N, C-alpha and C. Protein backbone atom coordinates (compact mmCIF):
# COMPACT_ATOMS: atom_id res chain seq x y z
N UNK A 1 247.52 -15.27 250.97
CA UNK A 1 248.03 -14.12 250.22
C UNK A 1 247.76 -12.82 250.97
N UNK A 2 248.62 -11.85 250.77
CA UNK A 2 248.51 -10.57 251.44
C UNK A 2 247.94 -9.50 250.52
N UNK A 3 247.30 -8.51 251.15
CA UNK A 3 246.90 -7.32 250.41
C UNK A 3 248.15 -6.46 250.23
N UNK A 4 248.46 -6.11 248.99
CA UNK A 4 249.68 -5.36 248.67
C UNK A 4 249.31 -4.03 248.03
N UNK A 5 249.79 -2.94 248.62
CA UNK A 5 249.57 -1.60 248.05
C UNK A 5 250.91 -0.95 247.76
N UNK A 6 250.97 -0.21 246.68
CA UNK A 6 252.16 0.56 246.34
C UNK A 6 251.73 1.95 245.91
N UNK A 7 252.17 2.96 246.65
CA UNK A 7 251.77 4.33 246.34
C UNK A 7 252.77 5.01 245.42
N UNK A 8 252.26 5.77 244.45
CA UNK A 8 253.08 6.49 243.49
C UNK A 8 252.63 7.95 243.47
N UNK A 9 253.58 8.87 243.59
CA UNK A 9 253.25 10.29 243.55
C UNK A 9 253.54 10.92 242.19
N UNK A 10 254.26 10.19 241.32
CA UNK A 10 254.70 10.73 240.04
C UNK A 10 253.61 10.59 238.98
N UNK A 11 252.46 11.22 239.23
CA UNK A 11 251.37 11.22 238.28
C UNK A 11 250.87 12.64 238.08
N UNK A 12 250.18 12.85 236.97
CA UNK A 12 249.60 14.16 236.68
C UNK A 12 248.08 14.05 236.66
N UNK A 13 247.43 15.04 237.23
CA UNK A 13 245.98 15.13 237.14
C UNK A 13 245.67 16.24 236.14
N UNK A 14 244.99 15.86 235.07
CA UNK A 14 244.79 16.76 233.94
C UNK A 14 243.32 17.14 233.82
N UNK A 15 243.08 18.41 233.58
CA UNK A 15 241.72 18.90 233.34
C UNK A 15 241.65 19.35 231.89
N UNK A 16 240.75 18.75 231.14
CA UNK A 16 240.56 19.14 229.74
C UNK A 16 239.20 19.82 229.61
N UNK A 17 239.22 21.01 229.08
CA UNK A 17 237.99 21.79 228.95
C UNK A 17 237.83 22.25 227.51
N UNK A 18 236.73 21.85 226.88
CA UNK A 18 236.45 22.24 225.52
C UNK A 18 235.35 23.29 225.51
N UNK A 19 235.42 24.19 224.55
CA UNK A 19 234.46 25.29 224.48
C UNK A 19 233.03 24.73 224.39
N UNK A 20 232.19 25.19 225.29
CA UNK A 20 230.80 24.78 225.29
C UNK A 20 230.54 23.41 225.89
N UNK A 21 231.59 22.78 226.43
CA UNK A 21 231.41 21.45 227.02
C UNK A 21 231.95 21.44 228.45
N UNK A 22 231.53 20.46 229.23
CA UNK A 22 231.98 20.36 230.60
C UNK A 22 233.43 19.88 230.65
N UNK A 23 234.05 20.05 231.82
CA UNK A 23 235.43 19.63 232.02
C UNK A 23 235.52 18.11 232.12
N UNK A 24 236.62 17.57 231.59
CA UNK A 24 236.95 16.16 231.80
C UNK A 24 238.24 16.10 232.60
N UNK A 25 238.28 15.18 233.57
CA UNK A 25 239.44 15.05 234.46
C UNK A 25 240.10 13.69 234.23
N UNK A 26 241.44 13.69 234.15
CA UNK A 26 242.18 12.46 233.89
C UNK A 26 243.39 12.35 234.82
N UNK A 27 243.82 11.12 235.04
CA UNK A 27 245.08 10.83 235.72
C UNK A 27 246.02 10.22 234.69
N UNK A 28 247.26 10.68 234.66
CA UNK A 28 248.26 10.10 233.77
C UNK A 28 249.58 9.97 234.51
N UNK A 29 250.32 8.90 234.23
CA UNK A 29 251.64 8.75 234.83
C UNK A 29 252.00 7.31 235.09
N UNK A 30 253.04 7.09 235.87
CA UNK A 30 253.49 5.75 236.21
C UNK A 30 252.55 5.17 237.27
N UNK A 31 251.89 4.07 236.94
CA UNK A 31 251.01 3.39 237.88
C UNK A 31 251.71 2.22 238.56
N UNK A 32 252.60 1.54 237.83
CA UNK A 32 253.26 0.33 238.33
C UNK A 32 254.72 0.33 237.90
N UNK A 33 255.57 -0.37 238.67
CA UNK A 33 256.98 -0.48 238.33
C UNK A 33 257.48 -1.89 238.62
N UNK A 34 258.44 -2.35 237.82
CA UNK A 34 259.00 -3.69 237.98
C UNK A 34 260.52 -3.62 238.08
N UNK A 35 261.11 -4.71 238.56
CA UNK A 35 262.57 -4.91 238.57
C UNK A 35 263.34 -3.87 239.37
N UNK A 36 262.72 -3.29 240.39
CA UNK A 36 263.45 -2.41 241.29
C UNK A 36 262.88 -2.51 242.69
N UNK A 37 263.74 -2.34 243.67
CA UNK A 37 263.30 -2.36 245.07
C UNK A 37 262.63 -1.03 245.36
N UNK A 38 261.36 -1.08 245.77
CA UNK A 38 260.65 0.16 246.05
C UNK A 38 260.82 0.57 247.52
N UNK A 39 260.19 1.68 247.89
CA UNK A 39 260.37 2.22 249.24
C UNK A 39 259.77 1.32 250.32
N UNK A 40 258.92 0.38 249.91
CA UNK A 40 258.35 -0.58 250.85
C UNK A 40 259.18 -1.85 250.97
N UNK A 41 260.34 -1.88 250.30
CA UNK A 41 261.22 -3.04 250.37
C UNK A 41 260.76 -4.21 249.53
N UNK A 42 259.88 -3.94 248.56
CA UNK A 42 259.37 -5.00 247.69
C UNK A 42 259.89 -4.83 246.27
N UNK A 43 259.95 -5.95 245.55
CA UNK A 43 260.36 -5.92 244.15
C UNK A 43 259.46 -6.83 243.33
N UNK A 44 259.02 -6.32 242.17
CA UNK A 44 258.14 -7.05 241.28
C UNK A 44 258.94 -7.50 240.06
N UNK A 45 259.24 -8.79 239.93
CA UNK A 45 259.95 -9.24 238.72
C UNK A 45 259.15 -8.91 237.47
N UNK A 46 259.83 -8.54 236.40
CA UNK A 46 259.13 -8.12 235.19
C UNK A 46 258.26 -9.22 234.62
N UNK A 47 258.70 -10.49 234.74
CA UNK A 47 257.89 -11.58 234.20
C UNK A 47 256.57 -11.74 234.97
N UNK A 48 256.61 -11.46 236.28
CA UNK A 48 255.39 -11.52 237.10
C UNK A 48 254.48 -10.35 236.75
N UNK A 49 255.05 -9.15 236.67
CA UNK A 49 254.25 -7.98 236.38
C UNK A 49 253.68 -8.03 234.96
N UNK A 50 254.50 -8.43 233.99
CA UNK A 50 254.03 -8.50 232.60
C UNK A 50 252.83 -9.44 232.46
N UNK A 51 252.94 -10.59 233.09
CA UNK A 51 251.86 -11.59 233.01
C UNK A 51 250.57 -11.03 233.60
N UNK A 52 250.67 -10.38 234.76
CA UNK A 52 249.46 -9.89 235.42
C UNK A 52 248.89 -8.67 234.71
N UNK A 53 249.74 -7.78 234.22
CA UNK A 53 249.24 -6.62 233.48
C UNK A 53 248.51 -7.06 232.21
N UNK A 54 249.04 -8.08 231.53
CA UNK A 54 248.37 -8.60 230.33
C UNK A 54 246.98 -9.13 230.67
N UNK A 55 246.87 -9.85 231.77
CA UNK A 55 245.55 -10.36 232.20
C UNK A 55 244.63 -9.21 232.56
N UNK A 56 245.15 -8.25 233.32
CA UNK A 56 244.36 -7.10 233.75
C UNK A 56 243.84 -6.30 232.55
N UNK A 57 244.71 -6.11 231.56
CA UNK A 57 244.31 -5.40 230.34
C UNK A 57 243.19 -6.15 229.62
N UNK A 58 243.36 -7.44 229.44
CA UNK A 58 242.41 -8.24 228.66
C UNK A 58 241.06 -8.37 229.36
N UNK A 59 241.08 -8.59 230.67
CA UNK A 59 239.85 -8.89 231.39
C UNK A 59 239.13 -7.65 231.91
N UNK A 60 239.85 -6.59 232.19
CA UNK A 60 239.21 -5.42 232.82
C UNK A 60 239.30 -4.16 231.96
N UNK A 61 240.52 -3.73 231.60
CA UNK A 61 240.66 -2.46 230.88
C UNK A 61 239.91 -2.48 229.55
N UNK A 62 240.09 -3.53 228.76
CA UNK A 62 239.46 -3.60 227.45
C UNK A 62 237.94 -3.74 227.54
N UNK A 63 237.44 -4.16 228.68
CA UNK A 63 236.00 -4.32 228.87
C UNK A 63 235.39 -3.20 229.71
N UNK A 64 236.15 -2.10 229.90
CA UNK A 64 235.67 -0.95 230.68
C UNK A 64 235.26 -1.37 232.10
N UNK A 65 236.08 -2.24 232.71
CA UNK A 65 235.79 -2.70 234.07
C UNK A 65 236.96 -2.45 235.01
N UNK A 66 237.92 -1.65 234.57
CA UNK A 66 239.12 -1.38 235.39
C UNK A 66 238.87 -0.15 236.25
N UNK A 67 238.23 -0.36 237.37
CA UNK A 67 237.84 0.76 238.24
C UNK A 67 238.85 0.97 239.37
N UNK A 68 238.84 2.18 239.90
CA UNK A 68 239.62 2.52 241.08
C UNK A 68 238.77 3.32 242.04
N UNK A 69 239.20 3.38 243.30
CA UNK A 69 238.44 4.06 244.33
C UNK A 69 239.20 5.25 244.89
N UNK A 70 238.51 6.08 245.65
CA UNK A 70 239.11 7.21 246.33
C UNK A 70 239.48 6.79 247.75
N UNK A 71 240.76 6.84 248.08
CA UNK A 71 241.21 6.46 249.42
C UNK A 71 241.87 5.09 249.44
N UNK A 72 241.99 4.54 250.65
CA UNK A 72 242.64 3.25 250.85
C UNK A 72 241.61 2.21 251.31
N UNK A 73 240.96 1.50 250.39
CA UNK A 73 240.00 0.46 250.79
C UNK A 73 240.66 -0.60 251.66
N UNK A 74 239.86 -1.23 252.52
CA UNK A 74 240.40 -2.21 253.46
C UNK A 74 240.70 -3.57 252.83
N UNK A 75 240.07 -3.89 251.72
CA UNK A 75 240.25 -5.21 251.12
C UNK A 75 240.55 -5.12 249.64
N UNK A 76 240.71 -6.28 248.99
CA UNK A 76 241.08 -6.29 247.58
C UNK A 76 239.93 -6.07 246.61
N UNK A 77 238.69 -6.23 247.06
CA UNK A 77 237.55 -6.12 246.15
C UNK A 77 237.26 -4.69 245.73
N UNK A 78 236.65 -4.54 244.55
CA UNK A 78 236.21 -3.23 244.07
C UNK A 78 234.79 -2.98 244.56
N UNK A 79 234.61 -1.89 245.29
CA UNK A 79 233.29 -1.50 245.80
C UNK A 79 232.69 -0.49 244.83
N UNK A 80 231.70 -0.90 244.07
CA UNK A 80 231.17 -0.04 243.01
C UNK A 80 230.64 1.29 243.54
N UNK A 81 230.10 1.28 244.76
CA UNK A 81 229.55 2.54 245.29
C UNK A 81 230.66 3.51 245.72
N UNK A 82 231.92 3.06 245.72
CA UNK A 82 233.03 3.92 246.10
C UNK A 82 233.94 4.27 244.92
N UNK A 83 233.58 3.79 243.72
CA UNK A 83 234.42 4.02 242.54
C UNK A 83 234.50 5.51 242.21
N UNK A 84 235.71 5.96 241.86
CA UNK A 84 235.91 7.37 241.50
C UNK A 84 236.42 7.54 240.07
N UNK A 85 237.01 6.49 239.49
CA UNK A 85 237.60 6.64 238.16
C UNK A 85 237.70 5.29 237.46
N UNK A 86 237.99 5.33 236.16
CA UNK A 86 238.14 4.12 235.37
C UNK A 86 239.45 4.19 234.58
N UNK A 87 240.27 3.15 234.72
CA UNK A 87 241.54 3.09 234.00
C UNK A 87 241.26 2.72 232.55
N UNK A 88 241.78 3.51 231.62
CA UNK A 88 241.52 3.31 230.20
C UNK A 88 242.74 2.87 229.41
N UNK A 89 243.94 3.09 229.96
CA UNK A 89 245.17 2.71 229.26
C UNK A 89 246.20 2.23 230.28
N UNK A 90 247.05 1.29 229.85
CA UNK A 90 248.17 0.82 230.66
C UNK A 90 249.19 0.23 229.70
N UNK A 91 250.34 0.86 229.62
CA UNK A 91 251.36 0.42 228.66
C UNK A 91 252.74 0.39 229.34
N UNK A 92 253.61 -0.47 228.83
CA UNK A 92 254.95 -0.62 229.42
C UNK A 92 255.97 0.19 228.65
N UNK A 93 256.81 0.91 229.42
CA UNK A 93 257.95 1.62 228.85
C UNK A 93 259.14 1.35 229.77
N UNK A 94 260.07 0.51 229.32
CA UNK A 94 261.17 0.10 230.18
C UNK A 94 260.65 -0.75 231.32
N UNK A 95 260.95 -0.34 232.55
CA UNK A 95 260.45 -1.05 233.72
C UNK A 95 259.20 -0.41 234.31
N UNK A 96 258.70 0.63 233.66
CA UNK A 96 257.53 1.34 234.15
C UNK A 96 256.29 1.01 233.34
N UNK A 97 255.14 1.09 233.99
CA UNK A 97 253.85 0.86 233.35
C UNK A 97 253.05 2.15 233.48
N UNK A 98 252.91 2.83 232.36
CA UNK A 98 252.22 4.12 232.35
C UNK A 98 250.72 3.91 232.15
N UNK A 99 249.95 4.63 232.92
CA UNK A 99 248.50 4.49 232.83
C UNK A 99 247.80 5.81 232.61
N UNK A 100 246.56 5.70 232.21
CA UNK A 100 245.66 6.85 232.07
C UNK A 100 244.30 6.42 232.60
N UNK A 101 243.67 7.29 233.36
CA UNK A 101 242.36 6.99 233.91
C UNK A 101 241.47 8.23 233.84
N UNK A 102 240.20 8.01 233.62
CA UNK A 102 239.24 9.11 233.59
C UNK A 102 238.49 9.16 234.91
N UNK A 103 238.47 10.34 235.53
CA UNK A 103 237.73 10.53 236.77
C UNK A 103 236.26 10.68 236.43
N UNK A 104 235.44 9.83 237.03
CA UNK A 104 234.03 9.73 236.67
C UNK A 104 233.16 10.70 237.46
N UNK A 105 231.93 10.85 237.03
CA UNK A 105 230.97 11.71 237.73
C UNK A 105 230.17 10.90 238.75
N UNK A 106 230.86 10.07 239.50
CA UNK A 106 230.27 9.35 240.63
C UNK A 106 230.44 10.23 241.87
N UNK A 107 229.80 9.89 243.00
CA UNK A 107 230.01 10.69 244.21
C UNK A 107 231.48 10.85 244.58
N UNK A 108 232.24 9.76 244.58
CA UNK A 108 233.66 9.86 244.93
C UNK A 108 234.47 10.53 243.82
N UNK A 109 234.04 10.35 242.58
CA UNK A 109 234.71 11.05 241.49
C UNK A 109 234.54 12.55 241.62
N UNK A 110 233.35 12.99 242.02
CA UNK A 110 233.10 14.42 242.20
C UNK A 110 233.91 14.98 243.36
N UNK A 111 234.12 14.16 244.40
CA UNK A 111 234.98 14.60 245.51
C UNK A 111 236.40 14.81 245.00
N UNK A 112 236.90 13.84 244.22
CA UNK A 112 238.25 13.95 243.67
C UNK A 112 238.37 15.19 242.79
N UNK A 113 237.38 15.43 241.95
CA UNK A 113 237.39 16.62 241.09
C UNK A 113 237.42 17.89 241.93
N UNK A 114 236.61 17.91 242.97
CA UNK A 114 236.56 19.08 243.83
C UNK A 114 237.89 19.33 244.54
N UNK A 115 238.51 18.26 245.01
CA UNK A 115 239.81 18.40 245.67
C UNK A 115 240.85 18.97 244.70
N UNK A 116 240.84 18.48 243.46
CA UNK A 116 241.78 18.98 242.46
C UNK A 116 241.53 20.45 242.15
N UNK A 117 240.27 20.82 242.00
CA UNK A 117 239.93 22.22 241.74
C UNK A 117 240.36 23.11 242.91
N UNK A 118 240.39 22.54 244.12
CA UNK A 118 240.79 23.30 245.30
C UNK A 118 242.28 23.33 245.53
N UNK A 119 243.06 22.65 244.68
CA UNK A 119 244.51 22.71 244.80
C UNK A 119 245.15 21.54 245.51
N UNK A 120 244.40 20.48 245.78
CA UNK A 120 244.96 19.33 246.50
C UNK A 120 245.99 18.59 245.65
N UNK A 121 247.02 18.08 246.30
CA UNK A 121 248.02 17.24 245.63
C UNK A 121 247.69 15.79 245.92
N UNK A 122 247.39 15.01 244.90
CA UNK A 122 246.98 13.63 245.07
C UNK A 122 247.95 12.69 244.37
N UNK A 123 247.92 11.44 244.75
CA UNK A 123 248.73 10.42 244.13
C UNK A 123 247.87 9.22 243.80
N UNK A 124 248.49 8.13 243.36
CA UNK A 124 247.76 6.91 243.10
C UNK A 124 248.43 5.76 243.83
N UNK A 125 247.65 4.72 244.08
CA UNK A 125 248.15 3.54 244.77
C UNK A 125 247.56 2.30 244.13
N UNK A 126 248.43 1.39 243.68
CA UNK A 126 247.93 0.12 243.16
C UNK A 126 247.48 -0.75 244.33
N UNK A 127 246.57 -1.69 244.04
CA UNK A 127 246.05 -2.59 245.08
C UNK A 127 245.98 -3.98 244.50
N UNK A 128 246.54 -4.95 245.21
CA UNK A 128 246.62 -6.31 244.69
C UNK A 128 246.70 -7.30 245.84
N UNK A 129 246.63 -8.57 245.50
CA UNK A 129 246.90 -9.63 246.47
C UNK A 129 248.01 -10.51 245.91
N UNK A 130 248.77 -11.15 246.81
CA UNK A 130 249.85 -12.02 246.38
C UNK A 130 250.70 -12.44 247.56
N UNK A 131 251.64 -13.30 247.30
CA UNK A 131 252.56 -13.74 248.35
C UNK A 131 253.94 -13.14 248.10
N UNK A 132 254.71 -13.03 249.17
CA UNK A 132 256.04 -12.45 249.13
C UNK A 132 257.07 -13.46 249.62
N UNK A 133 258.26 -13.43 249.05
CA UNK A 133 259.35 -14.30 249.47
C UNK A 133 260.60 -13.45 249.60
N UNK A 134 261.21 -13.47 250.79
CA UNK A 134 262.38 -12.65 251.04
C UNK A 134 263.63 -13.30 250.45
N UNK A 135 264.43 -12.51 249.70
CA UNK A 135 265.68 -13.04 249.16
C UNK A 135 266.83 -12.82 250.14
N UNK A 136 268.03 -13.19 249.75
CA UNK A 136 269.17 -13.13 250.66
C UNK A 136 269.56 -11.70 251.04
N UNK A 137 269.12 -10.74 250.24
CA UNK A 137 269.40 -9.33 250.52
C UNK A 137 268.31 -8.66 251.34
N UNK A 138 267.31 -9.43 251.75
CA UNK A 138 266.23 -8.89 252.55
C UNK A 138 265.13 -8.21 251.76
N UNK A 139 265.13 -8.35 250.44
CA UNK A 139 264.10 -7.75 249.60
C UNK A 139 262.92 -8.72 249.49
N UNK A 140 261.72 -8.20 249.64
CA UNK A 140 260.51 -9.01 249.52
C UNK A 140 260.15 -9.13 248.04
N UNK A 141 260.29 -10.33 247.49
CA UNK A 141 260.02 -10.56 246.08
C UNK A 141 258.57 -11.00 245.89
N UNK A 142 257.84 -10.30 245.05
CA UNK A 142 256.44 -10.63 244.77
C UNK A 142 256.40 -11.88 243.89
N UNK A 143 255.56 -12.83 244.28
CA UNK A 143 255.53 -14.13 243.61
C UNK A 143 254.50 -14.19 242.47
N UNK A 144 254.47 -15.32 241.80
CA UNK A 144 253.70 -15.49 240.57
C UNK A 144 252.19 -15.46 240.77
N UNK A 145 251.72 -15.53 242.01
CA UNK A 145 250.27 -15.47 242.26
C UNK A 145 249.77 -14.03 242.39
N UNK A 146 250.62 -13.07 242.10
CA UNK A 146 250.27 -11.65 242.15
C UNK A 146 249.07 -11.36 241.26
N UNK A 147 248.02 -10.74 241.86
CA UNK A 147 246.78 -10.45 241.13
C UNK A 147 246.32 -9.03 241.44
N UNK A 148 246.21 -8.20 240.41
CA UNK A 148 245.79 -6.81 240.59
C UNK A 148 244.30 -6.70 240.85
N UNK A 149 243.94 -5.91 241.85
CA UNK A 149 242.55 -5.48 242.01
C UNK A 149 242.32 -4.22 241.21
N UNK A 150 243.27 -3.30 241.32
CA UNK A 150 243.25 -2.08 240.51
C UNK A 150 244.66 -1.57 240.34
N UNK A 151 244.93 -1.01 239.17
CA UNK A 151 246.24 -0.41 238.93
C UNK A 151 246.37 0.93 239.62
N UNK A 152 245.25 1.53 240.04
CA UNK A 152 245.34 2.87 240.65
C UNK A 152 244.10 3.23 241.43
N UNK A 153 244.25 3.35 242.76
CA UNK A 153 243.30 4.08 243.59
C UNK A 153 243.83 5.50 243.72
N UNK A 154 242.96 6.46 243.94
CA UNK A 154 243.39 7.84 244.19
C UNK A 154 243.60 8.00 245.69
N UNK A 155 244.79 8.47 246.08
CA UNK A 155 245.11 8.63 247.49
C UNK A 155 245.65 10.03 247.75
N UNK A 156 245.60 10.44 249.00
CA UNK A 156 246.06 11.77 249.38
C UNK A 156 247.48 11.71 249.91
N UNK A 157 248.30 12.66 249.49
CA UNK A 157 249.61 12.78 250.12
C UNK A 157 249.47 13.73 251.30
N UNK A 158 250.52 13.95 252.11
CA UNK A 158 250.37 14.75 253.32
C UNK A 158 249.85 16.16 253.11
N UNK A 159 249.99 16.70 251.90
CA UNK A 159 249.53 18.08 251.69
C UNK A 159 248.04 18.17 251.42
N UNK A 160 247.39 17.03 251.16
CA UNK A 160 245.97 17.07 250.82
C UNK A 160 245.10 17.63 251.94
N UNK A 161 245.29 17.23 253.21
CA UNK A 161 244.48 17.84 254.27
C UNK A 161 244.65 19.35 254.33
N UNK A 162 245.87 19.87 254.10
CA UNK A 162 246.08 21.31 254.10
C UNK A 162 245.29 21.97 252.98
N UNK A 163 245.32 21.38 251.79
CA UNK A 163 244.58 21.95 250.67
C UNK A 163 243.09 21.90 250.93
N UNK A 164 242.64 20.80 251.53
CA UNK A 164 241.23 20.62 251.86
C UNK A 164 240.76 21.71 252.82
N UNK A 165 241.51 21.88 253.92
CA UNK A 165 241.13 22.86 254.93
C UNK A 165 241.24 24.28 254.37
N UNK A 166 242.29 24.56 253.59
CA UNK A 166 242.44 25.88 253.00
C UNK A 166 241.25 26.22 252.11
N UNK A 167 240.81 25.24 251.33
CA UNK A 167 239.67 25.47 250.45
C UNK A 167 238.40 25.74 251.23
N UNK A 168 238.21 24.99 252.32
CA UNK A 168 237.02 25.19 253.15
C UNK A 168 237.05 26.57 253.81
N UNK A 169 238.18 26.91 254.42
CA UNK A 169 238.25 28.14 255.19
C UNK A 169 238.22 29.39 254.30
N UNK A 170 238.70 29.26 253.08
CA UNK A 170 238.69 30.40 252.16
C UNK A 170 237.38 30.51 251.40
N UNK A 171 236.45 29.58 251.69
CA UNK A 171 235.14 29.65 251.07
C UNK A 171 235.08 29.12 249.66
N UNK A 172 236.07 28.36 249.25
CA UNK A 172 236.03 27.76 247.91
C UNK A 172 235.07 26.59 247.94
N UNK A 173 234.02 26.67 247.18
CA UNK A 173 233.00 25.62 247.20
C UNK A 173 233.39 24.50 246.23
N UNK A 174 234.29 23.61 246.68
CA UNK A 174 234.77 22.58 245.79
C UNK A 174 234.64 21.19 246.34
N UNK A 175 233.84 21.01 247.36
CA UNK A 175 233.60 19.68 247.89
C UNK A 175 232.19 19.26 247.51
N UNK A 176 232.10 18.18 246.73
CA UNK A 176 230.83 17.76 246.16
C UNK A 176 230.41 16.39 246.68
N UNK A 177 229.11 16.18 246.78
CA UNK A 177 228.53 14.85 246.95
C UNK A 177 227.30 14.81 246.06
N UNK A 178 227.31 13.91 245.09
CA UNK A 178 226.22 13.85 244.13
C UNK A 178 225.96 15.21 243.48
N UNK A 179 227.06 15.93 243.25
CA UNK A 179 226.94 17.22 242.58
C UNK A 179 226.50 18.36 243.48
N UNK A 180 226.39 18.13 244.80
CA UNK A 180 225.93 19.17 245.73
C UNK A 180 226.96 19.39 246.83
N UNK A 181 226.98 20.58 247.39
CA UNK A 181 227.86 20.87 248.50
C UNK A 181 227.22 20.34 249.78
N UNK A 182 228.05 19.83 250.68
CA UNK A 182 227.54 19.30 251.93
C UNK A 182 227.77 20.35 253.02
N UNK A 183 226.84 21.26 253.18
CA UNK A 183 227.03 22.41 254.05
C UNK A 183 227.18 22.01 255.51
N UNK A 184 226.44 21.02 255.96
CA UNK A 184 226.49 20.61 257.36
C UNK A 184 227.89 20.17 257.74
N UNK A 185 228.51 19.32 256.92
CA UNK A 185 229.84 18.81 257.23
C UNK A 185 230.91 19.89 257.06
N UNK A 186 230.70 20.79 256.10
CA UNK A 186 231.64 21.90 255.92
C UNK A 186 231.64 22.78 257.17
N UNK A 187 230.46 23.06 257.72
CA UNK A 187 230.36 23.87 258.93
C UNK A 187 231.06 23.19 260.11
N UNK A 188 230.96 21.86 260.19
CA UNK A 188 231.63 21.12 261.26
C UNK A 188 233.14 21.29 261.17
N UNK A 189 233.67 21.19 259.95
CA UNK A 189 235.11 21.36 259.75
C UNK A 189 235.54 22.76 260.19
N UNK A 190 234.80 23.78 259.79
CA UNK A 190 235.15 25.15 260.15
C UNK A 190 235.18 25.34 261.65
N UNK A 191 234.20 24.77 262.36
CA UNK A 191 234.14 24.93 263.81
C UNK A 191 235.36 24.28 264.49
N UNK A 192 235.71 23.08 264.01
CA UNK A 192 236.85 22.37 264.60
C UNK A 192 238.15 23.14 264.40
N UNK A 193 238.37 23.60 263.18
CA UNK A 193 239.61 24.31 262.86
C UNK A 193 239.72 25.61 263.65
N UNK A 194 238.63 26.34 263.76
CA UNK A 194 238.66 27.63 264.46
C UNK A 194 238.93 27.47 265.96
N UNK A 195 238.52 26.34 266.53
CA UNK A 195 238.71 26.11 267.96
C UNK A 195 240.05 25.47 268.30
N UNK A 196 240.80 25.06 267.28
CA UNK A 196 242.05 24.33 267.52
C UNK A 196 243.22 25.30 267.67
N UNK A 197 244.07 25.02 268.65
CA UNK A 197 245.27 25.84 268.85
C UNK A 197 246.27 25.56 267.74
N UNK A 198 247.17 26.50 267.50
CA UNK A 198 248.17 26.35 266.44
C UNK A 198 249.05 25.13 266.69
N UNK A 199 249.27 24.77 267.93
CA UNK A 199 250.11 23.62 268.28
C UNK A 199 249.53 22.33 267.74
N UNK A 200 248.21 22.21 267.75
CA UNK A 200 247.54 20.97 267.34
C UNK A 200 246.87 21.08 265.97
N UNK A 201 247.20 22.12 265.22
CA UNK A 201 246.47 22.40 263.98
C UNK A 201 246.69 21.33 262.91
N UNK A 202 247.93 20.86 262.76
CA UNK A 202 248.21 19.85 261.73
C UNK A 202 247.40 18.59 261.96
N UNK A 203 247.41 18.11 263.20
CA UNK A 203 246.64 16.90 263.53
C UNK A 203 245.15 17.12 263.31
N UNK A 204 244.67 18.31 263.64
CA UNK A 204 243.24 18.62 263.47
C UNK A 204 242.86 18.64 261.99
N UNK A 205 243.76 19.14 261.14
CA UNK A 205 243.49 19.16 259.70
C UNK A 205 243.34 17.75 259.15
N UNK A 206 244.26 16.88 259.56
CA UNK A 206 244.21 15.50 259.08
C UNK A 206 242.93 14.82 259.54
N UNK A 207 242.57 15.01 260.81
CA UNK A 207 241.34 14.40 261.34
C UNK A 207 240.12 14.93 260.62
N UNK A 208 240.09 16.25 260.38
CA UNK A 208 238.94 16.86 259.70
C UNK A 208 238.79 16.29 258.29
N UNK A 209 239.91 16.15 257.60
CA UNK A 209 239.90 15.62 256.24
C UNK A 209 239.39 14.18 256.23
N UNK A 210 239.90 13.35 257.13
CA UNK A 210 239.49 11.94 257.19
C UNK A 210 238.03 11.81 257.61
N UNK A 211 237.61 12.61 258.60
CA UNK A 211 236.22 12.54 259.06
C UNK A 211 235.25 12.96 257.97
N UNK A 212 235.62 14.00 257.22
CA UNK A 212 234.75 14.46 256.14
C UNK A 212 234.55 13.37 255.11
N UNK A 213 235.65 12.72 254.68
CA UNK A 213 235.55 11.66 253.69
C UNK A 213 234.71 10.50 254.19
N UNK A 214 234.86 10.14 255.46
CA UNK A 214 234.11 9.01 256.00
C UNK A 214 232.62 9.31 256.07
N UNK A 215 232.24 10.55 256.34
CA UNK A 215 230.83 10.90 256.48
C UNK A 215 230.09 10.99 255.16
N UNK A 216 230.82 11.34 254.10
CA UNK A 216 230.12 11.56 252.84
C UNK A 216 230.14 10.35 251.94
N UNK A 217 230.78 9.26 252.36
CA UNK A 217 230.78 8.04 251.54
C UNK A 217 229.47 7.30 251.72
């Protein structure tokens, strides 16, 4: 079986703030889709997706075990030390499966919160294992052994490195690790960006963003 990821940008990151209480952060939107060819050339039959979502709901979501991570993990397993959020709802509307997740106060959850406060645009990506079978039209059809690891990891779209660097350079203190700012790594990012020519700035931003995340995990 293969590791299968599907990225979705059509989600909302919501901040709820009540008087006298701390902020709560949530993800809401389409986490999964069935019966259509996606941009990766794959299609999930509704009967396959329905069966697996029902199992995922019963075994993980209802037992508060439906976790997701920040970034693109290399394998299908959930790494508890990298968890950033917990999926609390998943419901079907037409061919779409709408989800809701709460961003937790874990180290990676705090990074996600900080990125959102700094203006980053983030998306979600499902992660699963399964086999694919190509039909006569060249579409890769996901087979009945499809098994979700998570309905949603938090991932960065191309604008996230820009938001990250902008926040750092403008002095917005929104990058957290265990509730604290990592000054050493922030200083490294600033030095790299200041020394980079405008021609290579985009590549430098992406590298700085990736290096920062790798160092603080």
